Protein backbone atom coordinates (compact mmCIF):
# COMPACT_ATOMS: atom_id res chain seq x y z
CA UNK A 1 0.00 0.00 0.00
CA UNK A 2 1.42 3.32 -1.13
CA UNK A 3 1.92 6.17 1.25
CA UNK A 4 0.65 9.72 0.76
CA UNK A 5 4.13 10.84 -0.27
CA UNK A 6 4.29 8.26 -3.02
CA UNK A 7 0.86 9.29 -4.30
CA UNK A 8 1.87 12.96 -4.45
CA UNK A 9 5.04 11.96 -6.32
CA UNK A 10 3.06 10.05 -8.95
CA UNK A 11 0.71 13.01 -9.46
CA UNK A 12 3.70 15.32 -9.95
CA UNK A 13 5.24 12.94 -12.52
CA UNK A 14 1.94 12.79 -14.38
CA UNK A 15 1.71 16.59 -14.48
CA UNK A 16 5.28 16.84 -15.77
CA UNK A 17 4.53 14.26 -18.51
CA UNK A 18 1.43 16.17 -19.63
CA UNK A 19 3.46 19.40 -19.66
CA UNK A 20 6.14 17.70 -21.77
CA UNK A 21 3.50 16.53 -24.26
CA UNK A 22 2.02 20.02 -24.53
CA UNK A 23 5.50 21.47 -24.99
CA UNK A 24 6.26 18.99 -27.82
CA UNK A 25 2.95 19.79 -29.53
CA UNK A 26 3.62 23.51 -29.30
CA UNK A 27 7.09 23.01 -30.77
CA UNK A 28 5.76 21.03 -33.71
CA UNK A 29 3.13 23.68 -34.40
CA UNK A 30 5.78 26.39 -34.30
CA UNK A 31 8.01 24.44 -36.71
CA UNK A 32 5.08 23.93 -39.11
CA UNK A 33 4.25 27.63 -38.94
CA UNK A 34 7.84 28.64 -39.75
CA UNK A 35 7.91 26.24 -42.70
CA UNK A 36 4.70 27.72 -44.03
CA UNK A 37 6.22 31.19 -43.83
CA UNK A 38 9.30 30.05 -45.74
CA UNK A 39 7.23 28.34 -48.43
CA UNK A 40 5.15 31.49 -49.02
CA UNK A 41 7.91 34.06 -48.80
CA UNK A 42 8.04 34.59 -52.64
CA UNK A 43 11.14 35.05 -54.81
CA UNK A 44 14.47 36.44 -53.81
CA UNK A 45 16.11 39.21 -55.84
CA UNK A 46 18.52 36.74 -57.44
CA UNK A 47 15.68 34.43 -58.43
CA UNK A 48 13.77 37.35 -59.96
CA UNK A 49 16.85 38.43 -61.94
CA UNK A 50 17.25 34.91 -63.33
CA UNK A 51 13.59 34.79 -64.38
CA UNK A 52 13.75 38.21 -66.04
CA UNK A 53 16.91 37.21 -67.91
CA UNK A 54 15.26 34.05 -69.22
CA UNK A 55 12.17 35.98 -70.37
CA UNK A 56 14.36 38.57 -72.09
CA UNK A 57 16.31 35.85 -73.91
CA UNK A 58 13.12 34.14 -75.09
CA UNK A 59 11.71 37.45 -76.36
CA UNK A 60 14.95 38.36 -78.13
CA UNK A 61 15.00 35.03 -79.96
CA UNK A 62 11.29 34.72 -80.70
CA UNK A 63 10.09 38.28 -81.36
CA UNK A 64 11.53 38.92 -84.89
CA UNK A 65 10.08 35.72 -86.40
CA UNK A 66 6.76 36.42 -84.69
CA UNK A 67 6.63 39.96 -86.07
CA UNK A 68 7.47 38.69 -89.56
CA UNK A 69 4.75 36.05 -89.27
CA UNK A 70 2.14 38.62 -88.24
CA UNK A 71 3.09 41.08 -90.98
CA UNK A 72 2.96 38.35 -93.59
CA UNK A 73 -0.60 37.48 -92.60
CA UNK A 74 -1.62 41.15 -92.42
CA UNK A 75 -0.40 41.73 -95.98
CA UNK A 76 -2.20 38.56 -97.07
CA UNK A 77 -5.39 39.93 -95.53
CA UNK A 78 -4.88 43.15 -97.52
CA UNK A 79 -4.42 41.13 -100.71
CA UNK A 80 -7.69 39.31 -99.99
CA UNK A 81 -9.47 42.66 -99.59
CA UNK A 82 -8.31 43.72 -103.07
CA UNK A 83 -9.11 40.29 -104.48
CA UNK A 84 -12.61 40.47 -103.02
CA UNK A 85 -13.33 43.82 -104.69
CA UNK A 86 -12.03 42.61 -108.06
CA UNK A 87 -14.06 39.41 -107.94
CA UNK A 88 -17.14 41.33 -106.86
CA UNK A 89 -16.77 43.70 -109.82
CA UNK A 90 -16.44 40.77 -112.24
CA UNK A 91 -19.47 38.96 -110.77
CA UNK A 92 -21.61 42.10 -110.96
CA UNK A 93 -20.55 42.82 -114.55
CA UNK A 94 -21.63 39.33 -115.59
CA UNK A 95 -24.88 39.36 -113.62
CA UNK A 96 -25.98 42.91 -114.53
CA UNK A 97 -24.63 42.76 -118.10
CA UNK A 98 -22.76 46.05 -117.97
CA UNK A 99 -19.21 47.23 -117.30
CA UNK A 100 -17.78 47.54 -113.81
CA UNK A 101 -14.58 49.48 -113.23
CA UNK A 102 -12.19 49.22 -110.28
CA UNK A 103 -10.02 52.30 -109.62
CA UNK A 104 -6.84 52.14 -107.53
CA UNK A 105 -5.68 55.16 -105.55
CA UNK A 106 -2.10 54.14 -104.79
CA UNK A 107 -1.35 57.34 -102.88
CA UNK A 108 -3.86 56.79 -100.07
CA UNK A 109 -4.37 53.01 -100.36
CA UNK A 110 -8.00 52.95 -101.41
CA UNK A 111 -10.12 51.18 -104.06
CA UNK A 112 -13.31 52.43 -105.70
CA UNK A 113 -15.76 50.37 -107.76
CA UNK A 114 -17.96 52.01 -110.41
CA UNK A 115 -21.14 50.59 -111.93
CA UNK A 116 -20.72 52.08 -115.41
CA UNK A 117 -24.30 51.34 -116.48
CA UNK A 118 -25.33 54.87 -117.57
CA UNK A 119 -27.35 55.46 -114.39
CA UNK A 120 -30.89 54.52 -113.52
CA UNK A 121 -29.84 50.96 -112.78
CA UNK A 122 -28.97 50.55 -116.46
CA UNK A 123 -32.66 50.72 -117.35
CA UNK A 124 -33.27 52.84 -120.49
CA UNK A 125 -36.78 53.62 -119.25
CA UNK A 126 -35.46 55.15 -116.04
CA UNK A 127 -35.12 58.97 -116.18
CA UNK A 128 -31.66 58.68 -114.59
CA UNK A 129 -30.36 56.57 -117.47
CA UNK A 130 -28.11 58.05 -120.18
CA UNK A 131 -26.98 55.93 -123.11
CA UNK A 132 -24.09 58.33 -123.67
CA UNK A 133 -22.77 57.73 -120.17
CA UNK A 134 -23.09 53.95 -120.31
CA UNK A 135 -19.65 52.33 -120.52
CA UNK A 136 -17.77 55.62 -120.94
CA UNK A 137 -15.26 54.78 -118.19
CA UNK A 138 -16.13 57.49 -115.69
CA UNK A 139 -18.71 58.19 -113.00
CA UNK A 140 -21.66 60.18 -114.35
CA UNK A 141 -24.99 61.32 -112.99
CA UNK A 142 -26.94 58.50 -111.42
CA UNK A 143 -24.26 55.80 -111.73
CA UNK A 144 -23.41 53.95 -108.51
CA UNK A 145 -19.99 54.27 -106.92
CA UNK A 146 -18.90 51.86 -104.17
CA UNK A 147 -16.18 53.01 -101.81
CA UNK A 148 -13.61 54.20 -101.28
CA UNK A 149 -12.58 50.91 -99.72
CA UNK A 150 -9.42 51.22 -97.61
CA UNK A 151 -6.62 48.72 -97.29
CA UNK A 152 -6.19 47.37 -93.75
CA UNK A 153 -4.25 49.64 -91.42
CA UNK A 154 -0.50 49.68 -92.08
CA UNK A 155 -0.82 48.22 -95.60
CA UNK A 156 0.01 50.00 -98.86
CA UNK A 157 0.14 49.43 -102.59
CA UNK A 158 3.86 48.78 -102.71
CA UNK A 159 6.47 46.43 -104.12
CA UNK A 160 10.10 45.43 -103.83
CA UNK A 161 12.43 46.95 -106.43
CA UNK A 162 13.43 44.27 -108.91
CA UNK A 163 10.15 42.36 -108.70
CA UNK A 164 9.18 40.48 -111.84
CA UNK A 165 5.91 39.23 -113.27
CA UNK A 166 5.13 35.57 -113.85
CA UNK A 167 6.54 36.02 -117.34
CA UNK A 168 9.84 37.28 -115.96
CA UNK A 169 9.30 40.92 -116.93
CA UNK A 170 10.42 43.67 -114.55
CA UNK A 171 7.65 45.52 -112.74
CA UNK A 172 8.10 49.22 -112.09
CA UNK A 173 4.91 50.17 -110.22
CA UNK A 174 2.66 48.46 -107.66
CA UNK A 175 -0.46 48.62 -109.87
CA UNK A 176 0.34 47.98 -113.52
CA UNK A 177 -3.05 48.83 -115.03
CA UNK A 178 -3.15 51.88 -117.26
CA UNK A 179 -4.95 55.14 -116.49
CA UNK A 180 -4.64 57.88 -113.93
CA UNK A 181 -5.64 56.62 -111.47
CA UNK A 182 -4.94 53.04 -112.59
CA UNK A 183 -8.10 51.07 -113.38
CA UNK A 184 -9.33 47.75 -114.71
CA UNK A 185 -12.62 47.29 -116.58
CA UNK A 186 -14.67 44.09 -116.22
CA UNK A 187 -16.97 43.30 -119.15
CA UNK A 188 -20.27 41.36 -119.10
CA UNK A 189 -18.50 38.27 -120.47
CA UNK A 190 -16.18 38.24 -117.44
CA UNK A 191 -13.04 39.39 -119.25
CA UNK A 192 -11.10 42.62 -118.63
CA UNK A 193 -9.71 45.39 -120.80
CA UNK A 194 -6.13 44.38 -119.93
CA UNK A 195 -4.04 42.02 -117.84
CA UNK A 196 -2.35 43.50 -114.81
CA UNK A 197 -0.64 43.08 -111.45
CA UNK A 198 -1.39 44.53 -108.04
CA UNK A 199 1.19 44.47 -105.21
CA UNK A 200 0.39 45.06 -101.52
CA UNK A 201 2.63 44.90 -98.47
CA UNK A 202 3.16 46.43 -95.00
CA UNK A 203 4.20 50.08 -95.20
CA UNK A 204 7.18 49.56 -92.88
CA UNK A 205 8.50 46.69 -95.00
CA UNK A 206 7.97 48.74 -98.17
CA UNK A 207 10.06 51.60 -96.77
CA UNK A 208 12.81 49.18 -95.78
CA UNK A 209 12.43 47.18 -99.00
CA UNK A 210 12.39 43.96 -96.98
CA UNK A 211 11.30 40.92 -98.94
CA UNK A 212 8.94 38.24 -97.76
CA UNK A 213 5.74 40.00 -96.74
CA UNK A 214 4.77 41.43 -100.17
CA UNK A 215 1.83 39.89 -102.04
CA UNK A 216 1.11 39.87 -105.79
CA UNK A 217 -2.31 39.65 -107.44
CA UNK A 218 -2.59 38.69 -111.10
CA UNK A 219 -5.69 39.64 -113.09
CA UNK A 220 -6.10 37.63 -116.31
CA UNK A 221 -7.42 39.51 -119.32
CA UNK A 222 -9.24 36.70 -121.10
CA UNK A 223 -11.13 35.34 -118.09
CA UNK A 224 -11.00 38.13 -115.51
CA UNK A 225 -9.83 35.61 -112.92
CA UNK A 226 -7.80 36.91 -109.97
CA UNK A 227 -4.88 34.87 -108.63
CA UNK A 228 -2.78 35.46 -105.51
CA UNK A 229 0.90 34.54 -105.82
CA UNK A 230 4.22 35.26 -104.16
CA UNK A 231 6.27 37.84 -106.10
CA UNK A 232 9.39 36.90 -108.00
CA UNK A 233 12.64 38.86 -107.84
CA UNK A 234 15.55 39.30 -110.21
C-alpha atoms as a PDB file:
ATOM      1  CA  UNK A   1       0.000   0.000   0.000  1.00  0.00           C
ATOM      2  CA  UNK A   2       1.421   3.324  -1.126  1.00  0.00           C
ATOM      3  CA  UNK A   3       1.920   6.170   1.248  1.00  0.00           C
ATOM      4  CA  UNK A   4       0.654   9.720   0.764  1.00  0.00           C
ATOM      5  CA  UNK A   5       4.128  10.838  -0.272  1.00  0.00           C
ATOM      6  CA  UNK A   6       4.294   8.255  -3.019  1.00  0.00           C
ATOM      7  CA  UNK A   7       0.856   9.293  -4.302  1.00  0.00           C
ATOM      8  CA  UNK A   8       1.867  12.956  -4.450  1.00  0.00           C
ATOM      9  CA  UNK A   9       5.039  11.955  -6.322  1.00  0.00           C
ATOM     10  CA  UNK A  10       3.058  10.050  -8.952  1.00  0.00           C
ATOM     11  CA  UNK A  11       0.714  13.007  -9.455  1.00  0.00           C
ATOM     12  CA  UNK A  12       3.704  15.318  -9.950  1.00  0.00           C
ATOM     13  CA  UNK A  13       5.241  12.942 -12.518  1.00  0.00           C
ATOM     14  CA  UNK A  14       1.944  12.791 -14.383  1.00  0.00           C
ATOM     15  CA  UNK A  15       1.706  16.593 -14.484  1.00  0.00           C
ATOM     16  CA  UNK A  16       5.280  16.836 -15.766  1.00  0.00           C
ATOM     17  CA  UNK A  17       4.527  14.264 -18.508  1.00  0.00           C
ATOM     18  CA  UNK A  18       1.432  16.167 -19.629  1.00  0.00           C
ATOM     19  CA  UNK A  19       3.456  19.398 -19.662  1.00  0.00           C
ATOM     20  CA  UNK A  20       6.143  17.703 -21.770  1.00  0.00           C
ATOM     21  CA  UNK A  21       3.495  16.528 -24.260  1.00  0.00           C
ATOM     22  CA  UNK A  22       2.016  20.022 -24.529  1.00  0.00           C
ATOM     23  CA  UNK A  23       5.502  21.472 -24.985  1.00  0.00           C
ATOM     24  CA  UNK A  24       6.264  18.993 -27.825  1.00  0.00           C
ATOM     25  CA  UNK A  25       2.950  19.792 -29.530  1.00  0.00           C
ATOM     26  CA  UNK A  26       3.623  23.507 -29.300  1.00  0.00           C
ATOM     27  CA  UNK A  27       7.092  23.015 -30.770  1.00  0.00           C
ATOM     28  CA  UNK A  28       5.757  21.027 -33.713  1.00  0.00           C
ATOM     29  CA  UNK A  29       3.129  23.678 -34.403  1.00  0.00           C
ATOM     30  CA  UNK A  30       5.784  26.387 -34.299  1.00  0.00           C
ATOM     31  CA  UNK A  31       8.010  24.444 -36.707  1.00  0.00           C
ATOM     32  CA  UNK A  32       5.079  23.928 -39.109  1.00  0.00           C
ATOM     33  CA  UNK A  33       4.250  27.634 -38.940  1.00  0.00           C
ATOM     34  CA  UNK A  34       7.840  28.639 -39.748  1.00  0.00           C
ATOM     35  CA  UNK A  35       7.908  26.239 -42.697  1.00  0.00           C
ATOM     36  CA  UNK A  36       4.695  27.725 -44.034  1.00  0.00           C
ATOM     37  CA  UNK A  37       6.224  31.188 -43.830  1.00  0.00           C
ATOM     38  CA  UNK A  38       9.305  30.046 -45.740  1.00  0.00           C
ATOM     39  CA  UNK A  39       7.229  28.339 -48.428  1.00  0.00           C
ATOM     40  CA  UNK A  40       5.149  31.487 -49.019  1.00  0.00           C
ATOM     41  CA  UNK A  41       7.908  34.064 -48.804  1.00  0.00           C
ATOM     42  CA  UNK A  42       8.040  34.586 -52.644  1.00  0.00           C
ATOM     43  CA  UNK A  43      11.139  35.054 -54.806  1.00  0.00           C
ATOM     44  CA  UNK A  44      14.475  36.440 -53.810  1.00  0.00           C
ATOM     45  CA  UNK A  45      16.108  39.215 -55.844  1.00  0.00           C
ATOM     46  CA  UNK A  46      18.524  36.740 -57.438  1.00  0.00           C
ATOM     47  CA  UNK A  47      15.676  34.426 -58.429  1.00  0.00           C
ATOM     48  CA  UNK A  48      13.772  37.349 -59.959  1.00  0.00           C
ATOM     49  CA  UNK A  49      16.847  38.430 -61.942  1.00  0.00           C
ATOM     50  CA  UNK A  50      17.253  34.915 -63.334  1.00  0.00           C
ATOM     51  CA  UNK A  51      13.587  34.785 -64.382  1.00  0.00           C
ATOM     52  CA  UNK A  52      13.747  38.214 -66.038  1.00  0.00           C
ATOM     53  CA  UNK A  53      16.905  37.213 -67.907  1.00  0.00           C
ATOM     54  CA  UNK A  54      15.259  34.047 -69.223  1.00  0.00           C
ATOM     55  CA  UNK A  55      12.171  35.977 -70.367  1.00  0.00           C
ATOM     56  CA  UNK A  56      14.363  38.566 -72.094  1.00  0.00           C
ATOM     57  CA  UNK A  57      16.310  35.846 -73.906  1.00  0.00           C
ATOM     58  CA  UNK A  58      13.117  34.140 -75.090  1.00  0.00           C
ATOM     59  CA  UNK A  59      11.712  37.447 -76.359  1.00  0.00           C
ATOM     60  CA  UNK A  60      14.946  38.359 -78.129  1.00  0.00           C
ATOM     61  CA  UNK A  61      14.997  35.032 -79.955  1.00  0.00           C
ATOM     62  CA  UNK A  62      11.286  34.722 -80.698  1.00  0.00           C
ATOM     63  CA  UNK A  63      10.095  38.279 -81.363  1.00  0.00           C
ATOM     64  CA  UNK A  64      11.531  38.921 -84.889  1.00  0.00           C
ATOM     65  CA  UNK A  65      10.076  35.721 -86.401  1.00  0.00           C
ATOM     66  CA  UNK A  66       6.763  36.419 -84.694  1.00  0.00           C
ATOM     67  CA  UNK A  67       6.632  39.963 -86.070  1.00  0.00           C
ATOM     68  CA  UNK A  68       7.468  38.690 -89.560  1.00  0.00           C
ATOM     69  CA  UNK A  69       4.753  36.051 -89.273  1.00  0.00           C
ATOM     70  CA  UNK A  70       2.141  38.622 -88.239  1.00  0.00           C
ATOM     71  CA  UNK A  71       3.094  41.078 -90.979  1.00  0.00           C
ATOM     72  CA  UNK A  72       2.957  38.350 -93.590  1.00  0.00           C
ATOM     73  CA  UNK A  73      -0.595  37.475 -92.599  1.00  0.00           C
ATOM     74  CA  UNK A  74      -1.616  41.151 -92.419  1.00  0.00           C
ATOM     75  CA  UNK A  75      -0.404  41.726 -95.980  1.00  0.00           C
ATOM     76  CA  UNK A  76      -2.196  38.564 -97.070  1.00  0.00           C
ATOM     77  CA  UNK A  77      -5.395  39.931 -95.532  1.00  0.00           C
ATOM     78  CA  UNK A  78      -4.877  43.150 -97.518  1.00  0.00           C
ATOM     79  CA  UNK A  79      -4.419  41.132-100.712  1.00  0.00           C
ATOM     80  CA  UNK A  80      -7.691  39.312 -99.990  1.00  0.00           C
ATOM     81  CA  UNK A  81      -9.473  42.657 -99.587  1.00  0.00           C
ATOM     82  CA  UNK A  82      -8.310  43.717-103.065  1.00  0.00           C
ATOM     83  CA  UNK A  83      -9.114  40.293-104.482  1.00  0.00           C
ATOM     84  CA  UNK A  84     -12.609  40.471-103.020  1.00  0.00           C
ATOM     85  CA  UNK A  85     -13.327  43.817-104.688  1.00  0.00           C
ATOM     86  CA  UNK A  86     -12.030  42.615-108.061  1.00  0.00           C
ATOM     87  CA  UNK A  87     -14.057  39.410-107.945  1.00  0.00           C
ATOM     88  CA  UNK A  88     -17.145  41.327-106.857  1.00  0.00           C
ATOM     89  CA  UNK A  89     -16.769  43.696-109.821  1.00  0.00           C
ATOM     90  CA  UNK A  90     -16.441  40.771-112.237  1.00  0.00           C
ATOM     91  CA  UNK A  91     -19.468  38.961-110.774  1.00  0.00           C
ATOM     92  CA  UNK A  92     -21.609  42.103-110.956  1.00  0.00           C
ATOM     93  CA  UNK A  93     -20.546  42.823-114.545  1.00  0.00           C
ATOM     94  CA  UNK A  94     -21.630  39.327-115.594  1.00  0.00           C
ATOM     95  CA  UNK A  95     -24.880  39.361-113.624  1.00  0.00           C
ATOM     96  CA  UNK A  96     -25.983  42.911-114.528  1.00  0.00           C
ATOM     97  CA  UNK A  97     -24.629  42.761-118.098  1.00  0.00           C
ATOM     98  CA  UNK A  98     -22.757  46.049-117.973  1.00  0.00           C
ATOM     99  CA  UNK A  99     -19.209  47.230-117.301  1.00  0.00           C
ATOM    100  CA  UNK A 100     -17.782  47.540-113.812  1.00  0.00           C
ATOM    101  CA  UNK A 101     -14.575  49.482-113.230  1.00  0.00           C
ATOM    102  CA  UNK A 102     -12.186  49.219-110.285  1.00  0.00           C
ATOM    103  CA  UNK A 103     -10.021  52.300-109.624  1.00  0.00           C
ATOM    104  CA  UNK A 104      -6.837  52.143-107.529  1.00  0.00           C
ATOM    105  CA  UNK A 105      -5.680  55.163-105.548  1.00  0.00           C
ATOM    106  CA  UNK A 106      -2.103  54.138-104.787  1.00  0.00           C
ATOM    107  CA  UNK A 107      -1.353  57.341-102.875  1.00  0.00           C
ATOM    108  CA  UNK A 108      -3.861  56.788-100.075  1.00  0.00           C
ATOM    109  CA  UNK A 109      -4.369  53.013-100.359  1.00  0.00           C
ATOM    110  CA  UNK A 110      -8.003  52.946-101.414  1.00  0.00           C
ATOM    111  CA  UNK A 111     -10.116  51.177-104.062  1.00  0.00           C
ATOM    112  CA  UNK A 112     -13.306  52.429-105.699  1.00  0.00           C
ATOM    113  CA  UNK A 113     -15.756  50.374-107.762  1.00  0.00           C
ATOM    114  CA  UNK A 114     -17.960  52.013-110.415  1.00  0.00           C
ATOM    115  CA  UNK A 115     -21.145  50.595-111.928  1.00  0.00           C
ATOM    116  CA  UNK A 116     -20.719  52.080-115.407  1.00  0.00           C
ATOM    117  CA  UNK A 117     -24.304  51.339-116.479  1.00  0.00           C
ATOM    118  CA  UNK A 118     -25.330  54.870-117.567  1.00  0.00           C
ATOM    119  CA  UNK A 119     -27.347  55.456-114.391  1.00  0.00           C
ATOM    120  CA  UNK A 120     -30.887  54.525-113.519  1.00  0.00           C
ATOM    121  CA  UNK A 121     -29.839  50.960-112.778  1.00  0.00           C
ATOM    122  CA  UNK A 122     -28.966  50.548-116.459  1.00  0.00           C
ATOM    123  CA  UNK A 123     -32.660  50.721-117.350  1.00  0.00           C
ATOM    124  CA  UNK A 124     -33.269  52.839-120.487  1.00  0.00           C
ATOM    125  CA  UNK A 125     -36.783  53.617-119.253  1.00  0.00           C
ATOM    126  CA  UNK A 126     -35.462  55.150-116.038  1.00  0.00           C
ATOM    127  CA  UNK A 127     -35.123  58.972-116.177  1.00  0.00           C
ATOM    128  CA  UNK A 128     -31.663  58.678-114.592  1.00  0.00           C
ATOM    129  CA  UNK A 129     -30.358  56.571-117.473  1.00  0.00           C
ATOM    130  CA  UNK A 130     -28.109  58.046-120.177  1.00  0.00           C
ATOM    131  CA  UNK A 131     -26.983  55.934-123.111  1.00  0.00           C
ATOM    132  CA  UNK A 132     -24.086  58.326-123.670  1.00  0.00           C
ATOM    133  CA  UNK A 133     -22.769  57.729-120.171  1.00  0.00           C
ATOM    134  CA  UNK A 134     -23.094  53.951-120.309  1.00  0.00           C
ATOM    135  CA  UNK A 135     -19.655  52.327-120.517  1.00  0.00           C
ATOM    136  CA  UNK A 136     -17.771  55.621-120.940  1.00  0.00           C
ATOM    137  CA  UNK A 137     -15.258  54.781-118.193  1.00  0.00           C
ATOM    138  CA  UNK A 138     -16.130  57.491-115.688  1.00  0.00           C
ATOM    139  CA  UNK A 139     -18.709  58.191-112.997  1.00  0.00           C
ATOM    140  CA  UNK A 140     -21.657  60.185-114.347  1.00  0.00           C
ATOM    141  CA  UNK A 141     -24.987  61.317-112.990  1.00  0.00           C
ATOM    142  CA  UNK A 142     -26.941  58.498-111.418  1.00  0.00           C
ATOM    143  CA  UNK A 143     -24.264  55.796-111.728  1.00  0.00           C
ATOM    144  CA  UNK A 144     -23.410  53.953-108.515  1.00  0.00           C
ATOM    145  CA  UNK A 145     -19.990  54.268-106.920  1.00  0.00           C
ATOM    146  CA  UNK A 146     -18.897  51.858-104.173  1.00  0.00           C
ATOM    147  CA  UNK A 147     -16.184  53.008-101.810  1.00  0.00           C
ATOM    148  CA  UNK A 148     -13.611  54.195-101.284  1.00  0.00           C
ATOM    149  CA  UNK A 149     -12.579  50.913 -99.717  1.00  0.00           C
ATOM    150  CA  UNK A 150      -9.424  51.225 -97.607  1.00  0.00           C
ATOM    151  CA  UNK A 151      -6.622  48.723 -97.286  1.00  0.00           C
ATOM    152  CA  UNK A 152      -6.188  47.374 -93.748  1.00  0.00           C
ATOM    153  CA  UNK A 153      -4.249  49.638 -91.420  1.00  0.00           C
ATOM    154  CA  UNK A 154      -0.501  49.681 -92.079  1.00  0.00           C
ATOM    155  CA  UNK A 155      -0.823  48.216 -95.600  1.00  0.00           C
ATOM    156  CA  UNK A 156       0.010  49.997 -98.861  1.00  0.00           C
ATOM    157  CA  UNK A 157       0.139  49.427-102.588  1.00  0.00           C
ATOM    158  CA  UNK A 158       3.864  48.778-102.712  1.00  0.00           C
ATOM    159  CA  UNK A 159       6.469  46.426-104.120  1.00  0.00           C
ATOM    160  CA  UNK A 160      10.104  45.426-103.833  1.00  0.00           C
ATOM    161  CA  UNK A 161      12.426  46.947-106.426  1.00  0.00           C
ATOM    162  CA  UNK A 162      13.434  44.272-108.913  1.00  0.00           C
ATOM    163  CA  UNK A 163      10.147  42.361-108.699  1.00  0.00           C
ATOM    164  CA  UNK A 164       9.180  40.478-111.842  1.00  0.00           C
ATOM    165  CA  UNK A 165       5.906  39.227-113.274  1.00  0.00           C
ATOM    166  CA  UNK A 166       5.128  35.570-113.849  1.00  0.00           C
ATOM    167  CA  UNK A 167       6.535  36.023-117.341  1.00  0.00           C
ATOM    168  CA  UNK A 168       9.844  37.282-115.961  1.00  0.00           C
ATOM    169  CA  UNK A 169       9.296  40.922-116.931  1.00  0.00           C
ATOM    170  CA  UNK A 170      10.417  43.672-114.546  1.00  0.00           C
ATOM    171  CA  UNK A 171       7.652  45.517-112.744  1.00  0.00           C
ATOM    172  CA  UNK A 172       8.102  49.224-112.094  1.00  0.00           C
ATOM    173  CA  UNK A 173       4.915  50.167-110.219  1.00  0.00           C
ATOM    174  CA  UNK A 174       2.657  48.458-107.658  1.00  0.00           C
ATOM    175  CA  UNK A 175      -0.457  48.622-109.873  1.00  0.00           C
ATOM    176  CA  UNK A 176       0.341  47.977-113.518  1.00  0.00           C
ATOM    177  CA  UNK A 177      -3.052  48.825-115.025  1.00  0.00           C
ATOM    178  CA  UNK A 178      -3.155  51.881-117.264  1.00  0.00           C
ATOM    179  CA  UNK A 179      -4.946  55.138-116.489  1.00  0.00           C
ATOM    180  CA  UNK A 180      -4.635  57.884-113.929  1.00  0.00           C
ATOM    181  CA  UNK A 181      -5.640  56.623-111.465  1.00  0.00           C
ATOM    182  CA  UNK A 182      -4.941  53.040-112.586  1.00  0.00           C
ATOM    183  CA  UNK A 183      -8.105  51.073-113.383  1.00  0.00           C
ATOM    184  CA  UNK A 184      -9.332  47.749-114.706  1.00  0.00           C
ATOM    185  CA  UNK A 185     -12.619  47.294-116.581  1.00  0.00           C
ATOM    186  CA  UNK A 186     -14.667  44.094-116.221  1.00  0.00           C
ATOM    187  CA  UNK A 187     -16.968  43.300-119.149  1.00  0.00           C
ATOM    188  CA  UNK A 188     -20.274  41.358-119.104  1.00  0.00           C
ATOM    189  CA  UNK A 189     -18.501  38.271-120.469  1.00  0.00           C
ATOM    190  CA  UNK A 190     -16.179  38.241-117.435  1.00  0.00           C
ATOM    191  CA  UNK A 191     -13.037  39.392-119.252  1.00  0.00           C
ATOM    192  CA  UNK A 192     -11.101  42.619-118.630  1.00  0.00           C
ATOM    193  CA  UNK A 193      -9.705  45.390-120.799  1.00  0.00           C
ATOM    194  CA  UNK A 194      -6.126  44.382-119.926  1.00  0.00           C
ATOM    195  CA  UNK A 195      -4.043  42.020-117.844  1.00  0.00           C
ATOM    196  CA  UNK A 196      -2.346  43.497-114.815  1.00  0.00           C
ATOM    197  CA  UNK A 197      -0.644  43.077-111.451  1.00  0.00           C
ATOM    198  CA  UNK A 198      -1.388  44.526-108.035  1.00  0.00           C
ATOM    199  CA  UNK A 199       1.191  44.470-105.207  1.00  0.00           C
ATOM    200  CA  UNK A 200       0.388  45.056-101.523  1.00  0.00           C
ATOM    201  CA  UNK A 201       2.634  44.905 -98.467  1.00  0.00           C
ATOM    202  CA  UNK A 202       3.162  46.434 -95.001  1.00  0.00           C
ATOM    203  CA  UNK A 203       4.205  50.076 -95.199  1.00  0.00           C
ATOM    204  CA  UNK A 204       7.181  49.559 -92.877  1.00  0.00           C
ATOM    205  CA  UNK A 205       8.503  46.694 -95.002  1.00  0.00           C
ATOM    206  CA  UNK A 206       7.967  48.745 -98.168  1.00  0.00           C
ATOM    207  CA  UNK A 207      10.057  51.597 -96.774  1.00  0.00           C
ATOM    208  CA  UNK A 208      12.807  49.178 -95.777  1.00  0.00           C
ATOM    209  CA  UNK A 209      12.432  47.180 -99.001  1.00  0.00           C
ATOM    210  CA  UNK A 210      12.389  43.962 -96.985  1.00  0.00           C
ATOM    211  CA  UNK A 211      11.298  40.916 -98.942  1.00  0.00           C
ATOM    212  CA  UNK A 212       8.942  38.236 -97.762  1.00  0.00           C
ATOM    213  CA  UNK A 213       5.735  40.005 -96.743  1.00  0.00           C
ATOM    214  CA  UNK A 214       4.767  41.432-100.169  1.00  0.00           C
ATOM    215  CA  UNK A 215       1.826  39.886-102.041  1.00  0.00           C
ATOM    216  CA  UNK A 216       1.109  39.872-105.789  1.00  0.00           C
ATOM    217  CA  UNK A 217      -2.309  39.652-107.441  1.00  0.00           C
ATOM    218  CA  UNK A 218      -2.589  38.688-111.104  1.00  0.00           C
ATOM    219  CA  UNK A 219      -5.690  39.643-113.088  1.00  0.00           C
ATOM    220  CA  UNK A 220      -6.100  37.625-116.307  1.00  0.00           C
ATOM    221  CA  UNK A 221      -7.424  39.506-119.315  1.00  0.00           C
ATOM    222  CA  UNK A 222      -9.244  36.697-121.099  1.00  0.00           C
ATOM    223  CA  UNK A 223     -11.134  35.344-118.089  1.00  0.00           C
ATOM    224  CA  UNK A 224     -11.001  38.132-115.505  1.00  0.00           C
ATOM    225  CA  UNK A 225      -9.828  35.614-112.918  1.00  0.00           C
ATOM    226  CA  UNK A 226      -7.804  36.913-109.973  1.00  0.00           C
ATOM    227  CA  UNK A 227      -4.876  34.873-108.632  1.00  0.00           C
ATOM    228  CA  UNK A 228      -2.776  35.463-105.508  1.00  0.00           C
ATOM    229  CA  UNK A 229       0.902  34.543-105.821  1.00  0.00           C
ATOM    230  CA  UNK A 230       4.222  35.257-104.164  1.00  0.00           C
ATOM    231  CA  UNK A 231       6.274  37.845-106.100  1.00  0.00           C
ATOM    232  CA  UNK A 232       9.393  36.896-108.001  1.00  0.00           C
ATOM    233  CA  UNK A 233      12.636  38.862-107.845  1.00  0.00           C
ATOM    234  CA  UNK A 234      15.545  39.299-110.206  1.00  0.00           C
END
